[in-house]
């Protein structure tokens, strides 16, 4: 079990290194090697999380260690999906490092035990956290697209037609991919939060909305909502939209740190099932 996880992290690290090499040296074999190693690492991570779920009879999101790795897995899977859809070979250079960041963060929380939430069922816990994490992974995809957008915009403004200029897609395609990440991610995050709020009200009763993590999640949702509204209404576009997405994802990363230190009813040691 442990060796499977360690091999996964090692494979993802090699993939990350090869993506960086590919960024500075255009080589089809290097790109294929990077994608292949990432595929191997992602599959091993999937098997590891699945085995953990079977052994513990729960979803692989009940501890910070498992949650961070689950999010990393989603990011890697989105890489393959969107690279296939948009044919952006440099996408891995900007997206995979964020996934690997969560692999590394998980190592520092490996021994932290978080009690199971007192939800109505493990299935609802999986839907609640799964939707939230997939939504966040899509926002992270939008982040990678936005970074590439700013780089390509700078190349165009400075008329620096270097190797990155020819390998990055048009600004329109990058903005489309960022918009797709936001448009798909926000409904998932909203659904995940609503499920969590519904069961919090049902199980914990009055006062659940004063929980620090609930307050923080609501504040973050308002930021997501503003970016989503700005996207669908075309209130901000281009560079302003890219910068807004980058700042939003920076807050997402910060929220993972903050939420770990906030006291919360989420950490109460209760079993599944309302009493």
C-alpha atoms as a PDB file:
ATOM      1  CA  UNK A   1       0.000   0.000   0.000  1.00  0.00           C
ATOM      2  CA  UNK A   2       2.642   2.530   1.044  1.00  0.00           C
ATOM      3  CA  UNK A   3       4.941   1.605  -1.834  1.00  0.00           C
ATOM      4  CA  UNK A   4       2.101   2.209  -4.307  1.00  0.00           C
ATOM      5  CA  UNK A   5       1.658   5.759  -3.053  1.00  0.00           C
ATOM      6  CA  UNK A   6       5.393   6.463  -2.992  1.00  0.00           C
ATOM      7  CA  UNK A   7       5.789   5.172  -6.547  1.00  0.00           C
ATOM      8  CA  UNK A   8       2.926   7.430  -7.587  1.00  0.00           C
ATOM      9  CA  UNK A   9       4.597  10.517  -6.125  1.00  0.00           C
ATOM     10  CA  UNK A  10       7.911   9.537  -7.731  1.00  0.00           C
ATOM     11  CA  UNK A  11       6.285   9.090 -11.144  1.00  0.00           C
ATOM     12  CA  UNK A  12       4.491  12.427 -10.851  1.00  0.00           C
ATOM     13  CA  UNK A  13       7.750  14.134  -9.891  1.00  0.00           C
ATOM     14  CA  UNK A  14       9.495  12.710 -12.956  1.00  0.00           C
ATOM     15  CA  UNK A  15       6.563  13.868 -15.085  1.00  0.00           C
ATOM     16  CA  UNK A  16       6.802  17.357 -13.586  1.00  0.00           C
ATOM     17  CA  UNK A  17      10.537  17.494 -14.343  1.00  0.00           C
ATOM     18  CA  UNK A  18       9.975  16.363 -17.939  1.00  0.00           C
ATOM     19  CA  UNK A  19       7.232  18.953 -18.452  1.00  0.00           C
ATOM     20  CA  UNK A  20       9.685  21.655 -17.368  1.00  0.00           C
ATOM     21  CA  UNK A  21      12.293  20.265 -19.768  1.00  0.00           C
ATOM     22  CA  UNK A  22       9.702  20.294 -22.536  1.00  0.00           C
ATOM     23  CA  UNK A  23       8.866  23.927 -21.768  1.00  0.00           C
ATOM     24  CA  UNK A  24      12.403  25.002 -22.640  1.00  0.00           C
ATOM     25  CA  UNK A  25      13.221  22.380 -25.254  1.00  0.00           C
ATOM     26  CA  UNK A  26      10.542  21.503 -27.748  1.00  0.00           C
ATOM     27  CA  UNK A  27      10.774  17.745 -28.080  1.00  0.00           C
ATOM     28  CA  UNK A  28       7.937  15.402 -28.904  1.00  0.00           C
ATOM     29  CA  UNK A  29       9.598  12.409 -27.154  1.00  0.00           C
ATOM     30  CA  UNK A  30      10.007  14.472 -23.961  1.00  0.00           C
ATOM     31  CA  UNK A  31       6.337  15.455 -24.047  1.00  0.00           C
ATOM     32  CA  UNK A  32       5.255  11.852 -24.591  1.00  0.00           C
ATOM     33  CA  UNK A  33       7.520  10.745 -21.747  1.00  0.00           C
ATOM     34  CA  UNK A  34       6.086  13.396 -19.419  1.00  0.00           C
ATOM     35  CA  UNK A  35       2.480  12.515 -20.236  1.00  0.00           C
ATOM     36  CA  UNK A  36       3.203   8.790 -19.934  1.00  0.00           C
ATOM     37  CA  UNK A  37       4.825   9.161 -16.519  1.00  0.00           C
ATOM     38  CA  UNK A  38       1.933  11.315 -15.338  1.00  0.00           C
ATOM     39  CA  UNK A  39      -0.537   8.700 -16.572  1.00  0.00           C
ATOM     40  CA  UNK A  40       1.305   5.991 -14.639  1.00  0.00           C
ATOM     41  CA  UNK A  41       1.496   8.143 -11.507  1.00  0.00           C
ATOM     42  CA  UNK A  42      -2.176   9.095 -11.734  1.00  0.00           C
ATOM     43  CA  UNK A  43      -3.296   5.488 -12.166  1.00  0.00           C
ATOM     44  CA  UNK A  44      -1.245   4.379  -9.162  1.00  0.00           C
ATOM     45  CA  UNK A  45      -2.704   7.232  -7.119  1.00  0.00           C
ATOM     46  CA  UNK A  46      -6.219   6.206  -8.166  1.00  0.00           C
ATOM     47  CA  UNK A  47      -5.579   2.614  -7.116  1.00  0.00           C
ATOM     48  CA  UNK A  48      -4.099   3.780  -3.817  1.00  0.00           C
ATOM     49  CA  UNK A  49      -7.128   5.929  -3.006  1.00  0.00           C
ATOM     50  CA  UNK A  50      -9.521   3.169  -4.069  1.00  0.00           C
ATOM     51  CA  UNK A  51      -7.783   0.619  -1.841  1.00  0.00           C
ATOM     52  CA  UNK A  52      -7.841   3.080   1.054  1.00  0.00           C
ATOM     53  CA  UNK A  53     -11.561   3.548   0.565  1.00  0.00           C
ATOM     54  CA  UNK A  54     -12.212  -0.192   0.525  1.00  0.00           C
ATOM     55  CA  UNK A  55     -10.111  -0.809   3.623  1.00  0.00           C
ATOM     56  CA  UNK A  56     -11.684   2.012   5.635  1.00  0.00           C
ATOM     57  CA  UNK A  57     -15.198   1.607   4.170  1.00  0.00           C
ATOM     58  CA  UNK A  58     -15.346   5.324   3.387  1.00  0.00           C
ATOM     59  CA  UNK A  59     -14.634   7.845   0.653  1.00  0.00           C
ATOM     60  CA  UNK A  60     -10.975   8.872   0.176  1.00  0.00           C
ATOM     61  CA  UNK A  61     -11.646  12.364   1.565  1.00  0.00           C
ATOM     62  CA  UNK A  62     -11.943  11.764   5.314  1.00  0.00           C
ATOM     63  CA  UNK A  63      -8.437  12.986   6.213  1.00  0.00           C
ATOM     64  CA  UNK A  64      -6.354  15.911   4.933  1.00  0.00           C
ATOM     65  CA  UNK A  65      -3.818  13.440   3.533  1.00  0.00           C
ATOM     66  CA  UNK A  66      -6.430  11.670   1.429  1.00  0.00           C
ATOM     67  CA  UNK A  67      -8.253  14.875   0.479  1.00  0.00           C
ATOM     68  CA  UNK A  68      -5.141  16.605  -0.851  1.00  0.00           C
ATOM     69  CA  UNK A  69      -4.194  13.550  -2.898  1.00  0.00           C
ATOM     70  CA  UNK A  70      -7.748  13.228  -4.211  1.00  0.00           C
ATOM     71  CA  UNK A  71      -7.593  16.844  -5.376  1.00  0.00           C
ATOM     72  CA  UNK A  72      -4.194  16.212  -6.999  1.00  0.00           C
ATOM     73  CA  UNK A  73      -5.659  13.224  -8.837  1.00  0.00           C
ATOM     74  CA  UNK A  74      -8.542  15.345 -10.155  1.00  0.00           C
ATOM     75  CA  UNK A  75      -6.099  17.976 -11.417  1.00  0.00           C
ATOM     76  CA  UNK A  76      -4.068  15.350 -13.256  1.00  0.00           C
ATOM     77  CA  UNK A  77      -7.203  13.879 -14.821  1.00  0.00           C
ATOM     78  CA  UNK A  78      -8.314  17.334 -15.973  1.00  0.00           C
ATOM     79  CA  UNK A  79      -4.920  17.775 -17.620  1.00  0.00           C
ATOM     80  CA  UNK A  80      -5.488  14.740 -19.822  1.00  0.00           C
ATOM     81  CA  UNK A  81      -9.069  15.754 -20.612  1.00  0.00           C
ATOM     82  CA  UNK A  82      -8.298  19.344 -21.585  1.00  0.00           C
ATOM     83  CA  UNK A  83      -5.005  18.608 -23.326  1.00  0.00           C
ATOM     84  CA  UNK A  84      -6.928  16.182 -25.525  1.00  0.00           C
ATOM     85  CA  UNK A  85      -9.696  18.744 -26.102  1.00  0.00           C
ATOM     86  CA  UNK A  86      -7.597  21.872 -26.714  1.00  0.00           C
ATOM     87  CA  UNK A  87      -4.265  20.349 -27.863  1.00  0.00           C
ATOM     88  CA  UNK A  88      -2.184  22.677 -25.667  1.00  0.00           C
ATOM     89  CA  UNK A  89       1.088  20.818 -25.185  1.00  0.00           C
ATOM     90  CA  UNK A  90       2.360  23.333 -22.622  1.00  0.00           C
ATOM     91  CA  UNK A  91      -0.676  22.865 -20.370  1.00  0.00           C
ATOM     92  CA  UNK A  92       1.169  20.306 -18.248  1.00  0.00           C
ATOM     93  CA  UNK A  93       3.931  22.805 -17.486  1.00  0.00           C
ATOM     94  CA  UNK A  94       1.428  25.095 -15.775  1.00  0.00           C
ATOM     95  CA  UNK A  95      -1.168  22.672 -14.390  1.00  0.00           C
ATOM     96  CA  UNK A  96       0.840  19.677 -13.157  1.00  0.00           C
ATOM     97  CA  UNK A  97       2.933  21.743 -10.664  1.00  0.00           C
ATOM     98  CA  UNK A  98      -0.263  22.691  -8.808  1.00  0.00           C
ATOM     99  CA  UNK A  99      -1.316  19.057  -8.607  1.00  0.00           C
ATOM    100  CA  UNK A 100       2.116  18.055  -7.353  1.00  0.00           C
ATOM    101  CA  UNK A 101       1.928  20.876  -4.807  1.00  0.00           C
ATOM    102  CA  UNK A 102      -1.025  19.091  -3.198  1.00  0.00           C
ATOM    103  CA  UNK A 103       0.893  15.797  -3.297  1.00  0.00           C
ATOM    104  CA  UNK A 104       3.632  17.474  -1.263  1.00  0.00           C
ATOM    105  CA  UNK A 105       1.237  19.253   1.109  1.00  0.00           C
ATOM    106  CA  UNK A 106      -0.409  15.917   1.873  1.00  0.00           C
ATOM    107  CA  UNK A 107       2.888  14.533   3.165  1.00  0.00           C
ATOM    108  CA  UNK A 108       2.871  17.083   5.991  1.00  0.00           C
ATOM    109  CA  UNK A 109      -0.623  16.028   7.044  1.00  0.00           C
ATOM    110  CA  UNK A 110      -0.085  12.294   6.760  1.00  0.00           C
ATOM    111  CA  UNK A 111      -0.460  11.559  10.461  1.00  0.00           C
ATOM    112  CA  UNK A 112      -3.317  13.973  11.080  1.00  0.00           C
ATOM    113  CA  UNK A 113      -6.512  12.106  11.906  1.00  0.00           C
ATOM    114  CA  UNK A 114      -9.784  13.866  11.268  1.00  0.00           C
ATOM    115  CA  UNK A 115     -12.969  12.348  12.607  1.00  0.00           C
ATOM    116  CA  UNK A 116     -15.700  11.387  10.206  1.00  0.00           C
ATOM    117  CA  UNK A 117     -18.392  13.970   9.752  1.00  0.00           C
ATOM    118  CA  UNK A 118     -21.727  13.242  11.329  1.00  0.00           C
ATOM    119  CA  UNK A 119     -23.472  13.193   7.977  1.00  0.00           C
ATOM    120  CA  UNK A 120     -26.513  11.186   6.995  1.00  0.00           C
ATOM    121  CA  UNK A 121     -24.420   8.738   4.964  1.00  0.00           C
ATOM    122  CA  UNK A 122     -20.908   8.210   3.589  1.00  0.00           C
ATOM    123  CA  UNK A 123     -22.435   8.652   0.123  1.00  0.00           C
ATOM    124  CA  UNK A 124     -23.543  12.211   0.899  1.00  0.00           C
ATOM    125  CA  UNK A 125     -20.126  12.974   2.354  1.00  0.00           C
ATOM    126  CA  UNK A 126     -18.611  11.808  -0.919  1.00  0.00           C
ATOM    127  CA  UNK A 127     -20.975  13.972  -2.980  1.00  0.00           C
ATOM    128  CA  UNK A 128     -20.386  16.991  -0.730  1.00  0.00           C
ATOM    129  CA  UNK A 129     -16.592  16.858  -0.808  1.00  0.00           C
ATOM    130  CA  UNK A 130     -16.313  15.375  -4.296  1.00  0.00           C
ATOM    131  CA  UNK A 131     -18.273  18.206  -5.902  1.00  0.00           C
ATOM    132  CA  UNK A 132     -16.320  20.808  -3.948  1.00  0.00           C
ATOM    133  CA  UNK A 133     -12.957  19.373  -4.963  1.00  0.00           C
ATOM    134  CA  UNK A 134     -13.862  18.883  -8.601  1.00  0.00           C
ATOM    135  CA  UNK A 135     -15.080  22.474  -8.697  1.00  0.00           C
ATOM    136  CA  UNK A 136     -11.838  23.676  -7.148  1.00  0.00           C
ATOM    137  CA  UNK A 137      -9.823  21.562  -9.600  1.00  0.00           C
ATOM    138  CA  UNK A 138     -11.670  23.243 -12.479  1.00  0.00           C
ATOM    139  CA  UNK A 139     -10.853  26.674 -11.050  1.00  0.00           C
ATOM    140  CA  UNK A 140      -7.210  25.578 -10.860  1.00  0.00           C
ATOM    141  CA  UNK A 141      -7.433  24.619 -14.540  1.00  0.00           C
ATOM    142  CA  UNK A 142      -8.747  28.124 -15.212  1.00  0.00           C
ATOM    143  CA  UNK A 143      -5.761  29.438 -13.239  1.00  0.00           C
ATOM    144  CA  UNK A 144      -3.272  27.598 -15.475  1.00  0.00           C
ATOM    145  CA  UNK A 145      -5.062  28.911 -18.558  1.00  0.00           C
ATOM    146  CA  UNK A 146      -4.991  32.454 -17.176  1.00  0.00           C
ATOM    147  CA  UNK A 147      -1.250  32.315 -16.515  1.00  0.00           C
ATOM    148  CA  UNK A 148      -0.681  31.188 -20.107  1.00  0.00           C
ATOM    149  CA  UNK A 149      -2.991  33.986 -21.261  1.00  0.00           C
ATOM    150  CA  UNK A 150      -0.892  36.642 -19.524  1.00  0.00           C
ATOM    151  CA  UNK A 151       2.329  35.192 -20.949  1.00  0.00           C
ATOM    152  CA  UNK A 152       0.944  35.121 -24.479  1.00  0.00           C
ATOM    153  CA  UNK A 153      -0.490  38.619 -24.116  1.00  0.00           C
ATOM    154  CA  UNK A 154       2.918  39.884 -23.000  1.00  0.00           C
ATOM    155  CA  UNK A 155       4.534  38.222 -26.014  1.00  0.00           C
ATOM    156  CA  UNK A 156       2.085  39.929 -28.341  1.00  0.00           C
ATOM    157  CA  UNK A 157       2.405  43.370 -26.767  1.00  0.00           C
ATOM    158  CA  UNK A 158       6.203  43.263 -26.719  1.00  0.00           C
ATOM    159  CA  UNK A 159       6.300  41.574 -30.148  1.00  0.00           C
ATOM    160  CA  UNK A 160       8.526  38.852 -28.711  1.00  0.00           C
ATOM    161  CA  UNK A 161       7.753  35.996 -31.059  1.00  0.00           C
ATOM    162  CA  UNK A 162       9.821  33.422 -29.201  1.00  0.00           C
ATOM    163  CA  UNK A 163       9.363  29.662 -29.018  1.00  0.00           C
ATOM    164  CA  UNK A 164       6.653  29.993 -26.351  1.00  0.00           C
ATOM    165  CA  UNK A 165       4.653  32.308 -28.611  1.00  0.00           C
ATOM    166  CA  UNK A 166       4.440  29.663 -31.314  1.00  0.00           C
ATOM    167  CA  UNK A 167       3.619  26.893 -28.824  1.00  0.00           C
ATOM    168  CA  UNK A 168       0.894  28.701 -26.908  1.00  0.00           C
ATOM    169  CA  UNK A 169      -2.571  28.950 -28.473  1.00  0.00           C
ATOM    170  CA  UNK A 170      -4.414  32.154 -29.253  1.00  0.00           C
ATOM    171  CA  UNK A 171      -5.652  34.430 -26.504  1.00  0.00           C
ATOM    172  CA  UNK A 172      -9.199  33.555 -27.472  1.00  0.00           C
ATOM    173  CA  UNK A 173      -8.665  29.829 -26.947  1.00  0.00           C
ATOM    174  CA  UNK A 174      -6.941  30.392 -23.598  1.00  0.00           C
ATOM    175  CA  UNK A 175      -9.757  32.644 -22.410  1.00  0.00           C
ATOM    176  CA  UNK A 176     -12.276  30.044 -23.592  1.00  0.00           C
ATOM    177  CA  UNK A 177     -10.572  27.331 -21.537  1.00  0.00           C
ATOM    178  CA  UNK A 178     -10.371  29.565 -18.464  1.00  0.00           C
ATOM    179  CA  UNK A 179     -14.026  30.463 -18.869  1.00  0.00           C
ATOM    180  CA  UNK A 180     -14.969  26.812 -19.203  1.00  0.00           C
ATOM    181  CA  UNK A 181     -13.173  26.022 -15.947  1.00  0.00           C
ATOM    182  CA  UNK A 182     -15.037  28.789 -14.129  1.00  0.00           C
ATOM    183  CA  UNK A 183     -18.410  28.042 -15.745  1.00  0.00           C
ATOM    184  CA  UNK A 184     -18.208  24.336 -14.877  1.00  0.00           C
ATOM    185  CA  UNK A 185     -16.491  24.747 -11.518  1.00  0.00           C
ATOM    186  CA  UNK A 186     -18.858  27.223  -9.890  1.00  0.00           C
ATOM    187  CA  UNK A 187     -22.050  25.080 -10.127  1.00  0.00           C
ATOM    188  CA  UNK A 188     -20.150  22.122  -8.657  1.00  0.00           C
ATOM    189  CA  UNK A 189     -18.838  24.183  -5.749  1.00  0.00           C
ATOM    190  CA  UNK A 190     -22.296  25.642  -5.164  1.00  0.00           C
ATOM    191  CA  UNK A 191     -23.923  22.195  -5.171  1.00  0.00           C
ATOM    192  CA  UNK A 192     -21.308  20.820  -2.797  1.00  0.00           C
ATOM    193  CA  UNK A 193     -21.802  23.695  -0.374  1.00  0.00           C
ATOM    194  CA  UNK A 194     -25.600  23.465  -0.482  1.00  0.00           C
ATOM    195  CA  UNK A 195     -25.468  19.759   0.353  1.00  0.00           C
ATOM    196  CA  UNK A 196     -23.139  20.519   3.249  1.00  0.00           C
ATOM    197  CA  UNK A 197     -25.308  23.375   4.515  1.00  0.00           C
ATOM    198  CA  UNK A 198     -28.472  21.286   4.267  1.00  0.00           C
ATOM    199  CA  UNK A 199     -27.114  18.468   6.405  1.00  0.00           C
ATOM    200  CA  UNK A 200     -25.411  20.861   8.806  1.00  0.00           C
ATOM    201  CA  UNK A 201     -28.784  22.470   9.509  1.00  0.00           C
ATOM    202  CA  UNK A 202     -30.480  19.087   9.853  1.00  0.00           C
ATOM    203  CA  UNK A 203     -27.904  17.430  12.086  1.00  0.00           C
ATOM    204  CA  UNK A 204     -26.198  20.197  14.058  1.00  0.00           C
ATOM    205  CA  UNK A 205     -29.285  22.359  14.446  1.00  0.00           C
ATOM    206  CA  UNK A 206     -29.451  26.119  15.048  1.00  0.00           C
ATOM    207  CA  UNK A 207     -26.138  27.890  15.182  1.00  0.00           C
ATOM    208  CA  UNK A 208     -24.364  25.783  12.547  1.00  0.00           C
ATOM    209  CA  UNK A 209     -23.933  28.882  10.382  1.00  0.00           C
ATOM    210  CA  UNK A 210     -21.659  30.429  13.042  1.00  0.00           C
ATOM    211  CA  UNK A 211     -19.090  27.692  12.486  1.00  0.00           C
ATOM    212  CA  UNK A 212     -15.788  29.340  11.368  1.00  0.00           C
ATOM    213  CA  UNK A 213     -15.359  26.968   8.428  1.00  0.00           C
ATOM    214  CA  UNK A 214     -18.909  27.636   7.272  1.00  0.00           C
ATOM    215  CA  UNK A 215     -18.317  31.395   7.425  1.00  0.00           C
ATOM    216  CA  UNK A 216     -15.018  31.061   5.549  1.00  0.00           C
ATOM    217  CA  UNK A 217     -16.582  28.805   2.906  1.00  0.00           C
ATOM    218  CA  UNK A 218     -19.407  31.294   2.390  1.00  0.00           C
ATOM    219  CA  UNK A 219     -16.939  34.152   1.957  1.00  0.00           C
ATOM    220  CA  UNK A 220     -14.994  32.131  -0.612  1.00  0.00           C
ATOM    221  CA  UNK A 221     -18.223  31.248  -2.415  1.00  0.00           C
ATOM    222  CA  UNK A 222     -19.034  34.942  -2.824  1.00  0.00           C
ATOM    223  CA  UNK A 223     -15.707  35.402  -4.611  1.00  0.00           C
ATOM    224  CA  UNK A 224     -16.412  32.412  -6.853  1.00  0.00           C
ATOM    225  CA  UNK A 225     -19.879  33.816  -7.560  1.00  0.00           C
ATOM    226  CA  UNK A 226     -18.482  37.204  -8.545  1.00  0.00           C
ATOM    227  CA  UNK A 227     -16.033  35.663 -11.021  1.00  0.00           C
ATOM    228  CA  UNK A 228     -18.732  33.360 -12.411  1.00  0.00           C
ATOM    229  CA  UNK A 229     -21.164  36.251 -12.843  1.00  0.00           C
ATOM    230  CA  UNK A 230     -18.468  38.397 -14.432  1.00  0.00           C
ATOM    231  CA  UNK A 231     -17.766  35.600 -16.889  1.00  0.00           C
ATOM    232  CA  UNK A 232     -21.322  34.776 -17.961  1.00  0.00           C
ATOM    233  CA  UNK A 233     -22.295  38.463 -18.179  1.00  0.00           C
ATOM    234  CA  UNK A 234     -19.092  39.486 -19.999  1.00  0.00           C
ATOM    235  CA  UNK A 235     -18.505  42.238 -17.452  1.00  0.00           C
ATOM    236  CA  UNK A 236     -14.792  41.494 -17.412  1.00  0.00           C
ATOM    237  CA  UNK A 237     -12.817  39.865 -20.180  1.00  0.00           C
ATOM    238  CA  UNK A 238      -9.281  39.375 -21.353  1.00  0.00           C
ATOM    239  CA  UNK A 239      -6.504  40.418 -19.013  1.00  0.00           C
ATOM    240  CA  UNK A 240      -8.842  41.525 -16.222  1.00  0.00           C
ATOM    241  CA  UNK A 241     -10.605  38.166 -16.234  1.00  0.00           C
ATOM    242  CA  UNK A 242      -7.283  36.291 -16.195  1.00  0.00           C
ATOM    243  CA  UNK A 243      -6.033  38.341 -13.239  1.00  0.00           C
ATOM    244  CA  UNK A 244      -9.306  37.802 -11.359  1.00  0.00           C
ATOM    245  CA  UNK A 245      -9.026  34.030 -11.806  1.00  0.00           C
ATOM    246  CA  UNK A 246      -5.396  34.021 -10.656  1.00  0.00           C
ATOM    247  CA  UNK A 247      -6.255  35.952  -7.501  1.00  0.00           C
ATOM    248  CA  UNK A 248      -9.210  33.662  -6.844  1.00  0.00           C
ATOM    249  CA  UNK A 249      -7.081  30.513  -7.052  1.00  0.00           C
ATOM    250  CA  UNK A 250      -4.453  32.132  -4.839  1.00  0.00           C
ATOM    251  CA  UNK A 251      -7.231  32.491  -2.258  1.00  0.00           C
ATOM    252  CA  UNK A 252      -8.199  28.847  -2.804  1.00  0.00           C
ATOM    253  CA  UNK A 253      -4.660  27.753  -1.981  1.00  0.00           C
ATOM    254  CA  UNK A 254      -4.623  30.085   1.017  1.00  0.00           C
ATOM    255  CA  UNK A 255      -7.980  28.725   2.170  1.00  0.00           C
ATOM    256  CA  UNK A 256      -6.555  25.216   2.412  1.00  0.00           C
ATOM    257  CA  UNK A 257      -4.029  26.530   4.920  1.00  0.00           C
ATOM    258  CA  UNK A 258      -6.513  28.673   6.851  1.00  0.00           C
ATOM    259  CA  UNK A 259      -9.241  26.029   7.094  1.00  0.00           C
ATOM    260  CA  UNK A 260      -6.800  23.603   8.672  1.00  0.00           C
ATOM    261  CA  UNK A 261      -6.371  25.898  11.674  1.00  0.00           C
ATOM    262  CA  UNK A 262      -9.980  26.980  12.132  1.00  0.00           C
ATOM    263  CA  UNK A 263     -11.982  25.332  14.928  1.00  0.00           C
ATOM    264  CA  UNK A 264     -15.012  23.630  13.480  1.00  0.00           C
ATOM    265  CA  UNK A 265     -17.873  21.260  14.155  1.00  0.00           C
ATOM    266  CA  UNK A 266     -16.398  19.298  11.240  1.00  0.00           C
ATOM    267  CA  UNK A 267     -13.815  17.892  13.637  1.00  0.00           C
ATOM    268  CA  UNK A 268     -16.271  16.493  16.161  1.00  0.00           C
ATOM    269  CA  UNK A 269     -15.726  12.778  16.624  1.00  0.00           C
ATOM    270  CA  UNK A 270     -19.123  11.525  15.624  1.00  0.00           C
ATOM    271  CA  UNK A 271     -20.127   8.522  13.590  1.00  0.00           C
ATOM    272  CA  UNK A 272     -22.191   8.638  10.436  1.00  0.00           C
ATOM    273  CA  UNK A 273     -25.939   8.960  10.773  1.00  0.00           C
ATOM    274  CA  UNK A 274     -28.173  11.516  12.367  1.00  0.00           C
ATOM    275  CA  UNK A 275     -29.255  10.799  15.895  1.00  0.00           C
END
